[in-house]
Amino acid sequence: MENFNPAVSDAFKTPCVAGDTVLTGSCTAASNYWSSTTFAFNPGIAWDVNFNFGSVNAFSKDFTGRVRAVRGGSP
């Protein structure tokens, strides 16, 4: 594994600053973040990414979690 704890590239290891937005900052404040992908066999479950260890798990959508703003495709 190239990066570990957090398992993200150096661009995302910047310290979190109060007031950061998707336009002004990018940081990894916690280990777990929701993906937008629903678990195929149960619509009440979604995938969650752990940025400390680089793992992916499925959890109930009833849990409270963080999200990251991302953009797909090329500029």
C-alpha atoms as a PDB file:
ATOM      1  CA  MET A   1       0.000   0.000   0.000  1.00  0.00           C
ATOM      2  CA  GLU A   2       1.429   3.361  -1.001  1.00  0.00           C
ATOM      3  CA  ASN A   3      -0.221   5.476   1.727  1.00  0.00           C
ATOM      4  CA  PHE A   4      -1.365   4.452   5.196  1.00  0.00           C
ATOM      5  CA  ASN A   5      -3.078   6.246   8.081  1.00  0.00           C
ATOM      6  CA  PRO A   6      -4.381   8.182   6.281  1.00  0.00           C
ATOM      7  CA  ALA A   7      -4.509   6.107   3.124  1.00  0.00           C
ATOM      8  CA  VAL A   8      -4.822   9.115   0.834  1.00  0.00           C
ATOM      9  CA  SER A   9      -2.400  10.988  -1.390  1.00  0.00           C
ATOM     10  CA  ASP A  10      -0.357  13.838   0.094  1.00  0.00           C
ATOM     11  CA  ALA A  11      -2.732  16.430  -1.432  1.00  0.00           C
ATOM     12  CA  PHE A  12      -5.408  15.336   1.060  1.00  0.00           C
ATOM     13  CA  LYS A  13      -3.190  15.241   4.165  1.00  0.00           C
ATOM     14  CA  THR A  14      -3.493  18.973   4.760  1.00  0.00           C
ATOM     15  CA  PRO A  15      -4.750  20.022   8.200  1.00  0.00           C
ATOM     16  CA  CYS A  16      -8.470  20.722   8.469  1.00  0.00           C
ATOM     17  CA  VAL A  17      -9.281  24.350   9.167  1.00  0.00           C
ATOM     18  CA  ALA A  18     -12.606  25.601  10.510  1.00  0.00           C
ATOM     19  CA  GLY A  19     -14.588  27.062   7.643  1.00  0.00           C
ATOM     20  CA  ASP A  20     -12.970  24.932   4.918  1.00  0.00           C
ATOM     21  CA  THR A  21     -15.296  24.322   1.995  1.00  0.00           C
ATOM     22  CA  VAL A  22     -14.997  22.249  -1.158  1.00  0.00           C
ATOM     23  CA  LEU A  23     -13.609  25.385  -2.830  1.00  0.00           C
ATOM     24  CA  THR A  24     -11.057  26.381  -0.180  1.00  0.00           C
ATOM     25  CA  GLY A  25      -9.699  23.249   1.462  1.00  0.00           C
ATOM     26  CA  SER A  26      -9.294  19.526   1.329  1.00  0.00           C
ATOM     27  CA  CYS A  27      -8.463  17.421   4.332  1.00  0.00           C
ATOM     28  CA  THR A  28      -9.101  14.050   5.879  1.00  0.00           C
ATOM     29  CA  ALA A  29     -10.774  14.848   9.200  1.00  0.00           C
ATOM     30  CA  ALA A  30     -12.010  11.387  10.051  1.00  0.00           C
ATOM     31  CA  SER A  31     -11.505   7.837   9.046  1.00  0.00           C
ATOM     32  CA  ASN A  32     -14.882   6.944   7.533  1.00  0.00           C
ATOM     33  CA  TYR A  33     -16.776   8.590   4.680  1.00  0.00           C
ATOM     34  CA  TRP A  34     -19.900   7.498   2.830  1.00  0.00           C
ATOM     35  CA  SER A  35     -19.784   6.682  -0.846  1.00  0.00           C
ATOM     36  CA  SER A  36     -22.780   7.352  -3.076  1.00  0.00           C
ATOM     37  CA  THR A  37     -23.051   3.666  -3.958  1.00  0.00           C
ATOM     38  CA  THR A  38     -25.869   1.547  -2.542  1.00  0.00           C
ATOM     39  CA  PHE A  39     -25.141  -2.080  -1.672  1.00  0.00           C
ATOM     40  CA  ALA A  40     -26.549  -4.108  -4.592  1.00  0.00           C
ATOM     41  CA  PHE A  41     -28.351  -6.699  -2.477  1.00  0.00           C
ATOM     42  CA  ASN A  42     -29.917  -4.306   0.071  1.00  0.00           C
ATOM     43  CA  PRO A  43     -31.039  -0.736  -0.725  1.00  0.00           C
ATOM     44  CA  GLY A  44     -30.852   0.150   3.001  1.00  0.00           C
ATOM     45  CA  ILE A  45     -27.058  -0.275   2.981  1.00  0.00           C
ATOM     46  CA  ALA A  46     -24.340   1.853   1.363  1.00  0.00           C
ATOM     47  CA  TRP A  47     -20.582   1.568   0.967  1.00  0.00           C
ATOM     48  CA  ASP A  48     -18.288   3.394   3.375  1.00  0.00           C
ATOM     49  CA  VAL A  49     -14.586   4.114   2.773  1.00  0.00           C
ATOM     50  CA  ASN A  50     -12.106   4.113   5.665  1.00  0.00           C
ATOM     51  CA  PHE A  51      -9.380   6.646   4.852  1.00  0.00           C
ATOM     52  CA  ASN A  52      -7.070   5.493   7.654  1.00  0.00           C
ATOM     53  CA  PHE A  53      -6.616   1.969   6.357  1.00  0.00           C
ATOM     54  CA  GLY A  54      -7.953   2.116   2.792  1.00  0.00           C
ATOM     55  CA  SER A  55     -10.729  -0.383   3.468  1.00  0.00           C
ATOM     56  CA  VAL A  56     -14.278  -0.418   2.143  1.00  0.00           C
ATOM     57  CA  ASN A  57     -17.243  -1.697   4.165  1.00  0.00           C
ATOM     58  CA  ALA A  58     -21.028  -1.801   3.839  1.00  0.00           C
ATOM     59  CA  PHE A  59     -23.100  -0.118   6.578  1.00  0.00           C
ATOM     60  CA  SER A  60     -26.762   0.656   7.200  1.00  0.00           C
ATOM     61  CA  LYS A  61     -27.855   4.032   5.825  1.00  0.00           C
ATOM     62  CA  ASP A  62     -29.328   4.716   9.274  1.00  0.00           C
ATOM     63  CA  PHE A  63     -25.833   5.515  10.577  1.00  0.00           C
ATOM     64  CA  THR A  64     -24.590   9.093  10.565  1.00  0.00           C
ATOM     65  CA  GLY A  65     -21.414   9.590   8.552  1.00  0.00           C
ATOM     66  CA  ARG A  66     -19.279  12.095   6.708  1.00  0.00           C
ATOM     67  CA  VAL A  67     -19.136  12.706   2.971  1.00  0.00           C
ATOM     68  CA  ARG A  68     -16.433  14.059   0.662  1.00  0.00           C
ATOM     69  CA  ALA A  69     -17.097  16.199  -2.344  1.00  0.00           C
ATOM     70  CA  VAL A  70     -15.535  14.665  -5.457  1.00  0.00           C
ATOM     71  CA  ARG A  71     -15.779  15.313  -9.147  1.00  0.00           C
ATOM     72  CA  GLY A  72     -15.743  12.607 -11.775  1.00  0.00           C
ATOM     73  CA  GLY A  73     -14.215  12.787 -15.220  1.00  0.00           C
ATOM     74  CA  SER A  74     -11.461  14.924 -16.643  1.00  0.00           C
ATOM     75  CA  PRO A  75     -11.316  18.725 -16.606  1.00  0.00           C
END
